[in-house]
Amino acid sequence: SRDNAKNTVYLQMNSLKPEDTAVYYCK
């Protein structure tokens, strides 16, 4: 999702698993 007023993008992650372990990058 994004908030245009704040110039910010979000990533909501649920039900996380050990295999989700990683470095997360924004592009």
PDB file of all heavy atoms in Angstrom:
ATOM      1  N   SER A   1       0.848  -1.182   0.000  1.00  0.00           N
ATOM      2  CA  SER A   1       0.000   0.000   0.000  1.00  0.00           C
ATOM      3  C   SER A   1       0.886   1.235   0.000  1.00  0.00           C
ATOM      4  O   SER A   1       2.102   1.141   0.187  1.00  0.00           O
ATOM      5  CB  SER A   1      -0.946   0.009   1.209  1.00  0.00           C
ATOM      6  OG  SER A   1      -0.213   0.033   2.424  1.00  0.00           O
ATOM      7  N   ARG A   2       0.270   2.387  -0.206  1.00  0.00           N
ATOM      8  CA  ARG A   2       1.043   3.624  -0.220  1.00  0.00           C
ATOM      9  C   ARG A   2       0.264   4.760   0.412  1.00  0.00           C
ATOM     10  O   ARG A   2      -0.967   4.763   0.448  1.00  0.00           O
ATOM     11  CB  ARG A   2       1.445   3.997  -1.653  1.00  0.00           C
ATOM     12  CG  ARG A   2       0.293   4.477  -2.523  1.00  0.00           C
ATOM     13  CD  ARG A   2       0.797   4.895  -3.896  1.00  0.00           C
ATOM     14  NE  ARG A   2      -0.225   5.610  -4.656  1.00  0.00           N
ATOM     15  CZ  ARG A   2      -1.098   5.035  -5.465  1.00  0.00           C
ATOM     16  NH1 ARG A   2      -1.076   3.725  -5.639  1.00  0.00           N
ATOM     17  NH2 ARG A   2      -1.993   5.775  -6.110  1.00  0.00           N
ATOM     18  N   ASP A   3       1.014   5.725   0.903  1.00  0.00           N
ATOM     19  CA  ASP A   3       0.468   6.961   1.435  1.00  0.00           C
ATOM     20  C   ASP A   3       1.117   8.078   0.635  1.00  0.00           C
ATOM     21  O   ASP A   3       2.271   8.435   0.883  1.00  0.00           O
ATOM     22  CB  ASP A   3       0.757   7.097   2.924  1.00  0.00           C
ATOM     23  CG  ASP A   3       0.069   8.298   3.545  1.00  0.00           C
ATOM     24  OD1 ASP A   3      -0.189   9.287   2.841  1.00  0.00           O
ATOM     25  OD2 ASP A   3      -0.213   8.249   4.761  1.00  0.00           O
ATOM     26  N   ASN A   4       0.396   8.603  -0.332  1.00  0.00           N
ATOM     27  CA  ASN A   4       0.967   9.611  -1.221  1.00  0.00           C
ATOM     28  C   ASN A   4       1.369  10.883  -0.484  1.00  0.00           C
ATOM     29  O   ASN A   4       2.366  11.521  -0.831  1.00  0.00           O
ATOM     30  CB  ASN A   4      -0.022   9.950  -2.332  1.00  0.00           C
ATOM     31  CG  ASN A   4      -0.205   8.815  -3.312  1.00  0.00           C
ATOM     32  OD1 ASN A   4       0.702   8.011  -3.530  1.00  0.00           O
ATOM     33  ND2 ASN A   4      -1.371   8.747  -3.938  1.00  0.00           N
ATOM     34  N   ALA A   5       0.601  11.259   0.523  1.00  0.00           N
ATOM     35  CA  ALA A   5       0.908  12.464   1.275  1.00  0.00           C
ATOM     36  C   ALA A   5       2.239  12.347   1.999  1.00  0.00           C
ATOM     37  O   ALA A   5       2.941  13.340   2.194  1.00  0.00           O
ATOM     38  CB  ALA A   5      -0.211  12.782   2.260  1.00  0.00           C
ATOM     39  N   LYS A   6       2.585  11.135   2.407  1.00  0.00           N
ATOM     40  CA  LYS A   6       3.830  10.903   3.126  1.00  0.00           C
ATOM     41  C   LYS A   6       4.939  10.371   2.231  1.00  0.00           C
ATOM     42  O   LYS A   6       6.043  10.122   2.716  1.00  0.00           O
ATOM     43  CB  LYS A   6       3.597   9.933   4.280  1.00  0.00           C
ATOM     44  CG  LYS A   6       2.640  10.443   5.338  1.00  0.00           C
ATOM     45  CD  LYS A   6       2.463   9.427   6.458  1.00  0.00           C
ATOM     46  CE  LYS A   6       1.521   9.943   7.525  1.00  0.00           C
ATOM     47  NZ  LYS A   6       1.327   8.956   8.617  1.00  0.00           N
ATOM     48  N   ASN A   7       4.647  10.173   0.947  1.00  0.00           N
ATOM     49  CA  ASN A   7       5.617   9.612   0.003  1.00  0.00           C
ATOM     50  C   ASN A   7       6.197   8.303   0.524  1.00  0.00           C
ATOM     51  O   ASN A   7       7.407   8.064   0.440  1.00  0.00           O
ATOM     52  CB  ASN A   7       6.728  10.618  -0.288  1.00  0.00           C
ATOM     53  CG  ASN A   7       6.213  11.885  -0.927  1.00  0.00           C
ATOM     54  OD1 ASN A   7       5.365  11.848  -1.810  1.00  0.00           O
ATOM     55  ND2 ASN A   7       6.730  13.026  -0.482  1.00  0.00           N
ATOM     56  N   THR A   8       5.333   7.466   1.039  1.00  0.00           N
ATOM     57  CA  THR A   8       5.760   6.239   1.690  1.00  0.00           C
ATOM     58  C   THR A   8       4.969   5.048   1.165  1.00  0.00           C
ATOM     59  O   THR A   8       3.755   5.141   0.970  1.00  0.00           O
ATOM     60  CB  THR A   8       5.591   6.341   3.211  1.00  0.00           C
ATOM     61  OG1 THR A   8       6.387   7.428   3.703  1.00  0.00           O
ATOM     62  CG2 THR A   8       6.030   5.062   3.896  1.00  0.00           C
ATOM     63  N   VAL A   9       5.672   3.951   0.950  1.00  0.00           N
ATOM     64  CA  VAL A   9       5.068   2.687   0.553  1.00  0.00           C
ATOM     65  C   VAL A   9       5.267   1.688   1.681  1.00  0.00           C
ATOM     66  O   VAL A   9       6.331   1.650   2.308  1.00  0.00           O
ATOM     67  CB  VAL A   9       5.677   2.161  -0.754  1.00  0.00           C
ATOM     68  CG1 VAL A   9       5.168   0.759  -1.067  1.00  0.00           C
ATOM     69  CG2 VAL A   9       5.341   3.092  -1.905  1.00  0.00           C
ATOM     70  N   TYR A  10       4.253   0.883   1.924  1.00  0.00           N
ATOM     71  CA  TYR A  10       4.284  -0.077   3.014  1.00  0.00           C
ATOM     72  C   TYR A  10       4.149  -1.498   2.479  1.00  0.00           C
ATOM     73  O   TYR A  10       3.554  -1.739   1.430  1.00  0.00           O
ATOM     74  CB  TYR A  10       3.148   0.177   4.006  1.00  0.00           C
ATOM     75  CG  TYR A  10       3.118   1.576   4.558  1.00  0.00           C
ATOM     76  CD1 TYR A  10       2.312   2.554   3.981  1.00  0.00           C
ATOM     77  CD2 TYR A  10       3.892   1.923   5.659  1.00  0.00           C
ATOM     78  CE1 TYR A  10       2.278   3.839   4.483  1.00  0.00           C
ATOM     79  CE2 TYR A  10       3.866   3.206   6.169  1.00  0.00           C
ATOM     80  CZ  TYR A  10       3.055   4.165   5.581  1.00  0.00           C
ATOM     81  OH  TYR A  10       3.030   5.436   6.091  1.00  0.00           O
ATOM     82  N   LEU A  11       4.700  -2.421   3.227  1.00  0.00           N
ATOM     83  CA  LEU A  11       4.503  -3.838   2.963  1.00  0.00           C
ATOM     84  C   LEU A  11       4.068  -4.495   4.264  1.00  0.00           C
ATOM     85  O   LEU A  11       4.863  -4.613   5.197  1.00  0.00           O
ATOM     86  CB  LEU A  11       5.777  -4.501   2.435  1.00  0.00           C
ATOM     87  CG  LEU A  11       5.640  -5.994   2.112  1.00  0.00           C
ATOM     88  CD1 LEU A  11       4.725  -6.195   0.900  1.00  0.00           C
ATOM     89  CD2 LEU A  11       7.000  -6.629   1.867  1.00  0.00           C
ATOM     90  N   GLN A  12       2.813  -4.894   4.314  1.00  0.00           N
ATOM     91  CA  GLN A  12       2.285  -5.612   5.459  1.00  0.00           C
ATOM     92  C   GLN A  12       2.487  -7.102   5.231  1.00  0.00           C
ATOM     93  O   GLN A  12       2.020  -7.647   4.234  1.00  0.00           O
ATOM     94  CB  GLN A  12       0.802  -5.308   5.657  1.00  0.00           C
ATOM     95  CG  GLN A  12       0.150  -6.053   6.811  1.00  0.00           C
ATOM     96  CD  GLN A  12       0.648  -5.603   8.163  1.00  0.00           C
ATOM     97  OE1 GLN A  12       0.781  -4.405   8.414  1.00  0.00           O
ATOM     98  NE2 GLN A  12       0.935  -6.548   9.043  1.00  0.00           N
ATOM     99  N   MET A  13       3.167  -7.753   6.151  1.00  0.00           N
ATOM    100  CA  MET A  13       3.454  -9.172   6.044  1.00  0.00           C
ATOM    101  C   MET A  13       2.824  -9.897   7.221  1.00  0.00           C
ATOM    102  O   MET A  13       3.017  -9.507   8.377  1.00  0.00           O
ATOM    103  CB  MET A  13       4.957  -9.433   6.013  1.00  0.00           C
ATOM    104  CG  MET A  13       5.682  -8.725   4.871  1.00  0.00           C
ATOM    105  SD  MET A  13       7.438  -9.142   4.794  1.00  0.00           S
ATOM    106  CE  MET A  13       7.998  -8.383   6.325  1.00  0.00           C
ATOM    107  N   ASN A  14       2.082 -10.945   6.920  1.00  0.00           N
ATOM    108  CA  ASN A  14       1.392 -11.722   7.935  1.00  0.00           C
ATOM    109  C   ASN A  14       1.773 -13.198   7.828  1.00  0.00           C
ATOM    110  O   ASN A  14       2.300 -13.648   6.817  1.00  0.00           O
ATOM    111  CB  ASN A  14      -0.129 -11.570   7.782  1.00  0.00           C
ATOM    112  CG  ASN A  14      -0.586 -10.135   7.847  1.00  0.00           C
ATOM    113  OD1 ASN A  14      -0.166  -9.372   8.711  1.00  0.00           O
ATOM    114  ND2 ASN A  14      -1.481  -9.760   6.924  1.00  0.00           N
ATOM    115  N   SER A  15       1.468 -13.925   8.881  1.00  0.00           N
ATOM    116  CA  SER A  15       1.734 -15.368   8.922  1.00  0.00           C
ATOM    117  C   SER A  15       3.155 -15.680   8.473  1.00  0.00           C
ATOM    118  O   SER A  15       3.396 -16.548   7.630  1.00  0.00           O
ATOM    119  CB  SER A  15       0.713 -16.115   8.057  1.00  0.00           C
ATOM    120  OG  SER A  15      -0.606 -15.879   8.503  1.00  0.00           O
ATOM    121  N   LEU A  16       4.092 -14.989   9.045  1.00  0.00           N
ATOM    122  CA  LEU A  16       5.482 -15.113   8.625  1.00  0.00           C
ATOM    123  C   LEU A  16       6.040 -16.488   8.944  1.00  0.00           C
ATOM    124  O   LEU A  16       5.693 -17.103   9.952  1.00  0.00           O
ATOM    125  CB  LEU A  16       6.324 -14.031   9.280  1.00  0.00           C
ATOM    126  CG  LEU A  16       6.099 -12.629   8.710  1.00  0.00           C
ATOM    127  CD1 LEU A  16       6.689 -11.572   9.627  1.00  0.00           C
ATOM    128  CD2 LEU A  16       6.710 -12.519   7.319  1.00  0.00           C
ATOM    129  N   LYS A  17       6.909 -16.949   8.065  1.00  0.00           N
ATOM    130  CA  LYS A  17       7.538 -18.245   8.169  1.00  0.00           C
ATOM    131  C   LYS A  17       9.051 -18.074   8.206  1.00  0.00           C
ATOM    132  O   LYS A  17       9.575 -17.071   7.727  1.00  0.00           O
ATOM    133  CB  LYS A  17       7.156 -19.133   6.980  1.00  0.00           C
ATOM    134  CG  LYS A  17       5.659 -19.285   6.759  1.00  0.00           C
ATOM    135  CD  LYS A  17       5.375 -20.042   5.471  1.00  0.00           C
ATOM    136  CE  LYS A  17       3.885 -20.153   5.216  1.00  0.00           C
ATOM    137  NZ  LYS A  17       3.600 -20.871   3.944  1.00  0.00           N
ATOM    138  N   PRO A  18       9.770 -19.055   8.755  1.00  0.00           N
ATOM    139  CA  PRO A  18      11.233 -18.950   8.765  1.00  0.00           C
ATOM    140  C   PRO A  18      11.833 -18.743   7.381  1.00  0.00           C
ATOM    141  O   PRO A  18      12.849 -18.052   7.257  1.00  0.00           O
ATOM    142  CB  PRO A  18      11.672 -20.289   9.371  1.00  0.00           C
ATOM    143  CG  PRO A  18      10.538 -20.675  10.258  1.00  0.00           C
ATOM    144  CD  PRO A  18       9.307 -20.211   9.529  1.00  0.00           C
ATOM    145  N   GLU A  19      11.221 -19.306   6.345  1.00  0.00           N
ATOM    146  CA  GLU A  19      11.731 -19.132   4.994  1.00  0.00           C
ATOM    147  C   GLU A  19      11.541 -17.723   4.454  1.00  0.00           C
ATOM    148  O   GLU A  19      12.039 -17.396   3.372  1.00  0.00           O
ATOM    149  CB  GLU A  19      11.102 -20.149   4.024  1.00  0.00           C
ATOM    150  CG  GLU A  19       9.585 -20.188   4.071  1.00  0.00           C
ATOM    151  CD  GLU A  19       9.057 -21.315   4.937  1.00  0.00           C
ATOM    152  OE1 GLU A  19       9.599 -21.530   6.036  1.00  0.00           O
ATOM    153  OE2 GLU A  19       8.103 -21.995   4.498  1.00  0.00           O
ATOM    154  N   ASP A  20      10.819 -16.875   5.184  1.00  0.00           N
ATOM    155  CA  ASP A  20      10.698 -15.476   4.812  1.00  0.00           C
ATOM    156  C   ASP A  20      11.909 -14.658   5.249  1.00  0.00           C
ATOM    157  O   ASP A  20      12.005 -13.470   4.917  1.00  0.00           O
ATOM    158  CB  ASP A  20       9.435 -14.859   5.413  1.00  0.00           C
ATOM    159  CG  ASP A  20       8.160 -15.473   4.853  1.00  0.00           C
ATOM    160  OD1 ASP A  20       8.115 -15.761   3.640  1.00  0.00           O
ATOM    161  OD2 ASP A  20       7.201 -15.657   5.636  1.00  0.00           O
ATOM    162  N   THR A  21      12.799 -15.268   5.992  1.00  0.00           N
ATOM    163  CA  THR A  21      13.999 -14.576   6.447  1.00  0.00           C
ATOM    164  C   THR A  21      14.829 -14.122   5.254  1.00  0.00           C
ATOM    165  O   THR A  21      15.223 -14.929   4.412  1.00  0.00           O
ATOM    166  CB  THR A  21      14.832 -15.483   7.357  1.00  0.00           C
ATOM    167  OG1 THR A  21      14.092 -15.786   8.540  1.00  0.00           O
ATOM    168  CG2 THR A  21      16.137 -14.806   7.746  1.00  0.00           C
ATOM    169  N   ALA A  22      15.079 -12.832   5.172  1.00  0.00           N
ATOM    170  CA  ALA A  22      15.799 -12.264   4.037  1.00  0.00           C
ATOM    171  C   ALA A  22      16.023 -10.782   4.290  1.00  0.00           C
ATOM    172  O   ALA A  22      15.492 -10.210   5.243  1.00  0.00           O
ATOM    173  CB  ALA A  22      15.005 -12.455   2.735  1.00  0.00           C
ATOM    174  N   VAL A  23      16.815 -10.186   3.424  1.00  0.00           N
ATOM    175  CA  VAL A  23      16.912  -8.738   3.378  1.00  0.00           C
ATOM    176  C   VAL A  23      15.855  -8.246   2.407  1.00  0.00           C
ATOM    177  O   VAL A  23      15.785  -8.710   1.270  1.00  0.00           O
ATOM    178  CB  VAL A  23      18.308  -8.265   2.940  1.00  0.00           C
ATOM    179  CG1 VAL A  23      18.348  -6.741   2.844  1.00  0.00           C
ATOM    180  CG2 VAL A  23      19.366  -8.756   3.918  1.00  0.00           C
ATOM    181  N   TYR A  24      15.045  -7.320   2.850  1.00  0.00           N
ATOM    182  CA  TYR A  24      13.970  -6.782   2.036  1.00  0.00           C
ATOM    183  C   TYR A  24      14.358  -5.403   1.523  1.00  0.00           C
ATOM    184  O   TYR A  24      14.757  -4.525   2.290  1.00  0.00           O
ATOM    185  CB  TYR A  24      12.674  -6.710   2.841  1.00  0.00           C
ATOM    186  CG  TYR A  24      12.038  -8.061   3.047  1.00  0.00           C
ATOM    187  CD1 TYR A  24      12.614  -8.990   3.911  1.00  0.00           C
ATOM    188  CD2 TYR A  24      10.879  -8.418   2.367  1.00  0.00           C
ATOM    189  CE1 TYR A  24      12.049 -10.240   4.086  1.00  0.00           C
ATOM    190  CE2 TYR A  24      10.311  -9.667   2.547  1.00  0.00           C
ATOM    191  CZ  TYR A  24      10.897 -10.575   3.398  1.00  0.00           C
ATOM    192  OH  TYR A  24      10.327 -11.816   3.565  1.00  0.00           O
ATOM    193  N   TYR A  25      14.232  -5.231   0.209  1.00  0.00           N
ATOM    194  CA  TYR A  25      14.642  -4.008  -0.458  1.00  0.00           C
ATOM    195  C   TYR A  25      13.453  -3.298  -1.082  1.00  0.00           C
ATOM    196  O   TYR A  25      12.562  -3.934  -1.645  1.00  0.00           O
ATOM    197  CB  TYR A  25      15.654  -4.299  -1.564  1.00  0.00           C
ATOM    198  CG  TYR A  25      16.959  -4.894  -1.098  1.00  0.00           C
ATOM    199  CD1 TYR A  25      17.126  -6.268  -1.032  1.00  0.00           C
ATOM    200  CD2 TYR A  25      18.026  -4.076  -0.730  1.00  0.00           C
ATOM    201  CE1 TYR A  25      18.322  -6.824  -0.614  1.00  0.00           C
ATOM    202  CE2 TYR A  25      19.223  -4.621  -0.312  1.00  0.00           C
ATOM    203  CZ  TYR A  25      19.363  -5.995  -0.258  1.00  0.00           C
ATOM    204  OH  TYR A  25      20.555  -6.545   0.155  1.00  0.00           O
ATOM    205  N   CYS A  26      13.475  -1.991  -1.011  1.00  0.00           N
ATOM    206  CA  CYS A  26      12.489  -1.157  -1.682  1.00  0.00           C
ATOM    207  C   CYS A  26      13.075  -0.652  -2.995  1.00  0.00           C
ATOM    208  O   CYS A  26      14.250  -0.282  -3.051  1.00  0.00           O
ATOM    209  CB  CYS A  26      12.103   0.019  -0.782  1.00  0.00           C
ATOM    210  SG  CYS A  26      10.873   1.145  -1.492  1.00  0.00           S
ATOM    211  N   LYS A  27      12.271  -0.655  -4.047  1.00  0.00           N
ATOM    212  CA  LYS A  27      12.708  -0.163  -5.349  1.00  0.00           C
ATOM    213  C   LYS A  27      11.715   0.846  -5.895  1.00  0.00           C
ATOM    214  O   LYS A  27      10.501   0.661  -5.791  1.00  0.00           O
ATOM    215  CB  LYS A  27      12.854  -1.317  -6.351  1.00  0.00           C
ATOM    216  CG  LYS A  27      13.435  -0.868  -7.692  1.00  0.00           C
ATOM    217  CD  LYS A  27      13.507  -2.003  -8.708  1.00  0.00           C
ATOM    218  CE  LYS A  27      12.172  -2.235  -9.364  1.00  0.00           C
ATOM    219  NZ  LYS A  27      12.292  -3.219 -10.499  1.00  0.00           N
TER     220      LYS A  27
END
